[in-house]
Amino acid sequence: MAILVGQKYAIGQSVKKISYTSSAIPPRYRNGKITEVFTKTNSAGSVHYYYKVLWDDGRRSEHAQHTLRPLD
């Protein structure tokens, strides 16, 4: 049975993107707002939260919960 970990962010909340592989985050991912929240199930059956983000430069992208942080 899949266990769903709690949702960290709400629609309209300001976030920033973090990177675990590089210290250089492209400027287009610096600040954004959550526009949509949904879940995905991986091949092992675990459910994870994903967010659609509207970035300050007008771009939209989809990110896993663990790659975002609240905007300080």
N, C-alpha and C. Protein backbone atom coordinates (compact mmCIF):
# COMPACT_ATOMS: atom_id res chain seq x y z
N MET A 1 0.83 -1.19 0.00
CA MET A 1 0.00 0.00 0.00
C MET A 1 0.88 1.25 0.00
N ALA A 2 0.55 2.21 -0.87
CA ALA A 2 1.34 3.43 -0.99
C ALA A 2 1.02 4.40 0.14
N ILE A 3 2.06 5.03 0.66
CA ILE A 3 1.89 6.03 1.71
C ILE A 3 2.16 7.40 1.10
N LEU A 4 1.23 8.32 1.27
CA LEU A 4 1.36 9.65 0.71
C LEU A 4 1.91 10.59 1.77
N VAL A 5 3.08 11.17 1.50
CA VAL A 5 3.68 12.15 2.40
C VAL A 5 2.96 13.47 2.21
N GLY A 6 2.87 14.27 3.25
CA GLY A 6 2.10 15.51 3.21
C GLY A 6 2.52 16.52 2.15
N GLN A 7 1.54 17.26 1.70
CA GLN A 7 1.75 18.31 0.72
C GLN A 7 2.40 19.50 1.42
N LYS A 8 3.52 20.00 0.89
CA LYS A 8 4.25 21.09 1.53
C LYS A 8 3.80 22.47 1.08
N TYR A 9 3.36 22.60 -0.16
CA TYR A 9 3.09 23.93 -0.72
C TYR A 9 1.64 24.03 -1.18
N ALA A 10 1.13 25.26 -1.18
CA ALA A 10 -0.25 25.52 -1.59
C ALA A 10 -0.26 26.35 -2.87
N ILE A 11 -1.36 26.30 -3.59
CA ILE A 11 -1.52 27.11 -4.79
C ILE A 11 -1.38 28.58 -4.40
N GLY A 12 -0.59 29.31 -5.18
CA GLY A 12 -0.35 30.73 -4.92
C GLY A 12 0.86 31.01 -4.07
N GLN A 13 1.45 29.98 -3.47
CA GLN A 13 2.62 30.17 -2.62
C GLN A 13 3.86 30.45 -3.46
N SER A 14 4.72 31.37 -3.00
CA SER A 14 5.97 31.69 -3.69
C SER A 14 7.04 30.67 -3.33
N VAL A 15 7.76 30.20 -4.35
CA VAL A 15 8.81 29.20 -4.15
C VAL A 15 10.04 29.56 -4.98
N LYS A 16 11.14 28.87 -4.67
CA LYS A 16 12.34 28.94 -5.49
C LYS A 16 12.79 27.52 -5.76
N LYS A 17 13.54 27.32 -6.83
CA LYS A 17 14.01 25.99 -7.20
C LYS A 17 15.39 25.76 -6.60
N ILE A 18 15.64 24.56 -6.12
CA ILE A 18 16.96 24.20 -5.64
C ILE A 18 17.54 23.13 -6.55
N SER A 19 18.84 22.96 -6.49
CA SER A 19 19.50 21.95 -7.31
C SER A 19 20.42 21.12 -6.44
N TYR A 20 20.32 19.80 -6.59
CA TYR A 20 21.21 18.90 -5.86
C TYR A 20 22.45 18.55 -6.68
N THR A 21 22.45 18.92 -7.95
CA THR A 21 23.56 18.53 -8.82
C THR A 21 24.48 19.69 -9.18
N SER A 22 24.04 20.91 -8.96
CA SER A 22 24.84 22.07 -9.35
C SER A 22 24.55 23.23 -8.41
N SER A 23 25.55 24.04 -8.18
CA SER A 23 25.33 25.21 -7.33
C SER A 23 24.81 26.38 -8.16
N ALA A 24 24.82 26.25 -9.48
CA ALA A 24 24.38 27.33 -10.35
C ALA A 24 22.96 27.06 -10.86
N ILE A 25 21.98 27.77 -10.31
CA ILE A 25 20.59 27.66 -10.76
C ILE A 25 20.38 28.68 -11.87
N PRO A 26 19.86 28.27 -13.01
CA PRO A 26 19.60 29.26 -14.07
C PRO A 26 18.69 30.37 -13.55
N PRO A 27 18.93 31.63 -13.93
CA PRO A 27 18.14 32.75 -13.43
C PRO A 27 16.63 32.58 -13.64
N ARG A 28 16.21 31.85 -14.67
CA ARG A 28 14.78 31.70 -14.93
C ARG A 28 14.06 30.90 -13.85
N TYR A 29 14.80 30.20 -12.99
CA TYR A 29 14.19 29.40 -11.94
C TYR A 29 14.36 30.01 -10.55
N ARG A 30 14.61 31.27 -10.45
CA ARG A 30 14.87 31.86 -9.14
C ARG A 30 13.62 32.02 -8.29
N ASN A 31 12.56 32.62 -8.83
CA ASN A 31 11.34 32.86 -8.05
C ASN A 31 10.11 32.51 -8.87
N GLY A 32 9.12 31.91 -8.22
CA GLY A 32 7.90 31.58 -8.93
C GLY A 32 6.75 31.35 -7.98
N LYS A 33 5.56 31.09 -8.54
CA LYS A 33 4.36 30.83 -7.75
C LYS A 33 3.74 29.50 -8.19
N ILE A 34 3.26 28.73 -7.22
CA ILE A 34 2.59 27.47 -7.49
C ILE A 34 1.25 27.76 -8.17
N THR A 35 0.99 27.10 -9.31
CA THR A 35 -0.28 27.28 -10.00
C THR A 35 -1.15 26.03 -9.97
N GLU A 36 -0.54 24.87 -9.73
CA GLU A 36 -1.30 23.61 -9.73
C GLU A 36 -0.56 22.58 -8.89
N VAL A 37 -1.31 21.74 -8.19
CA VAL A 37 -0.75 20.66 -7.37
C VAL A 37 -1.38 19.35 -7.82
N PHE A 38 -0.55 18.31 -8.01
CA PHE A 38 -1.07 17.00 -8.38
C PHE A 38 -0.11 15.93 -7.88
N THR A 39 -0.52 14.67 -7.96
CA THR A 39 0.33 13.57 -7.52
C THR A 39 0.67 12.66 -8.68
N LYS A 40 1.78 11.97 -8.53
CA LYS A 40 2.20 10.94 -9.49
C LYS A 40 2.60 9.71 -8.68
N THR A 41 2.39 8.55 -9.26
CA THR A 41 2.79 7.29 -8.63
C THR A 41 3.96 6.70 -9.40
N ASN A 42 5.03 6.34 -8.68
CA ASN A 42 6.20 5.76 -9.35
C ASN A 42 6.01 4.26 -9.55
N SER A 43 7.00 3.61 -10.14
CA SER A 43 6.88 2.19 -10.46
C SER A 43 6.81 1.31 -9.22
N ALA A 44 7.29 1.81 -8.07
CA ALA A 44 7.22 1.04 -6.83
C ALA A 44 5.89 1.24 -6.11
N GLY A 45 5.05 2.13 -6.65
CA GLY A 45 3.74 2.36 -6.05
C GLY A 45 3.69 3.51 -5.06
N SER A 46 4.80 4.22 -4.88
CA SER A 46 4.82 5.38 -3.97
C SER A 46 4.22 6.59 -4.67
N VAL A 47 3.46 7.37 -3.92
CA VAL A 47 2.81 8.55 -4.46
C VAL A 47 3.58 9.78 -4.01
N HIS A 48 3.84 10.72 -4.95
CA HIS A 48 4.61 11.93 -4.66
C HIS A 48 3.88 13.15 -5.20
N TYR A 49 4.05 14.28 -4.50
CA TYR A 49 3.45 15.54 -4.95
C TYR A 49 4.33 16.21 -5.99
N TYR A 50 3.67 16.77 -7.00
CA TYR A 50 4.32 17.58 -8.03
C TYR A 50 3.57 18.89 -8.13
N TYR A 51 4.29 19.91 -8.61
CA TYR A 51 3.73 21.26 -8.68
C TYR A 51 4.02 21.88 -10.04
N LYS A 52 3.05 22.59 -10.57
CA LYS A 52 3.29 23.41 -11.75
C LYS A 52 3.57 24.82 -11.24
N VAL A 53 4.66 25.40 -11.74
CA VAL A 53 5.13 26.69 -11.25
C VAL A 53 5.15 27.69 -12.39
N LEU A 54 4.68 28.90 -12.13
CA LEU A 54 4.79 30.02 -13.06
C LEU A 54 5.94 30.87 -12.54
N TRP A 55 7.04 30.91 -13.32
CA TRP A 55 8.23 31.65 -12.91
C TRP A 55 8.07 33.13 -13.23
N ASP A 56 8.86 33.96 -12.56
CA ASP A 56 8.76 35.42 -12.72
C ASP A 56 8.97 35.89 -14.15
N ASP A 57 9.70 35.11 -14.96
CA ASP A 57 9.94 35.53 -16.35
C ASP A 57 8.83 35.03 -17.29
N GLY A 58 7.76 34.42 -16.74
CA GLY A 58 6.63 33.98 -17.55
C GLY A 58 6.67 32.53 -17.97
N ARG A 59 7.76 31.84 -17.73
CA ARG A 59 7.85 30.42 -18.08
C ARG A 59 7.05 29.59 -17.09
N ARG A 60 6.60 28.42 -17.54
CA ARG A 60 5.90 27.46 -16.68
C ARG A 60 6.67 26.15 -16.73
N SER A 61 6.72 25.47 -15.60
CA SER A 61 7.38 24.17 -15.55
C SER A 61 6.80 23.34 -14.42
N GLU A 62 7.11 22.05 -14.44
CA GLU A 62 6.61 21.09 -13.47
C GLU A 62 7.78 20.56 -12.65
N HIS A 63 7.61 20.51 -11.32
CA HIS A 63 8.71 20.09 -10.45
C HIS A 63 8.21 19.21 -9.32
N ALA A 64 9.06 18.27 -8.91
CA ALA A 64 8.77 17.44 -7.75
C ALA A 64 8.90 18.29 -6.49
N GLN A 65 8.16 17.90 -5.45
CA GLN A 65 8.14 18.67 -4.20
C GLN A 65 9.53 18.88 -3.62
N HIS A 66 10.41 17.88 -3.70
CA HIS A 66 11.72 17.98 -3.06
C HIS A 66 12.66 18.95 -3.77
N THR A 67 12.33 19.44 -4.97
CA THR A 67 13.20 20.37 -5.68
C THR A 67 12.81 21.83 -5.45
N LEU A 68 11.79 22.07 -4.64
CA LEU A 68 11.33 23.44 -4.38
C LEU A 68 11.52 23.80 -2.91
N ARG A 69 11.71 25.08 -2.67
CA ARG A 69 11.80 25.61 -1.30
C ARG A 69 10.95 26.87 -1.22
N PRO A 70 10.41 27.18 -0.04
CA PRO A 70 9.63 28.41 0.09
C PRO A 70 10.54 29.62 -0.14
N LEU A 71 9.99 30.65 -0.72
CA LEU A 71 10.76 31.87 -0.97
C LEU A 71 10.92 32.61 0.35
N ASP A 72 12.14 32.90 0.71
CA ASP A 72 12.42 33.58 2.00
C ASP A 72 12.01 35.03 1.97
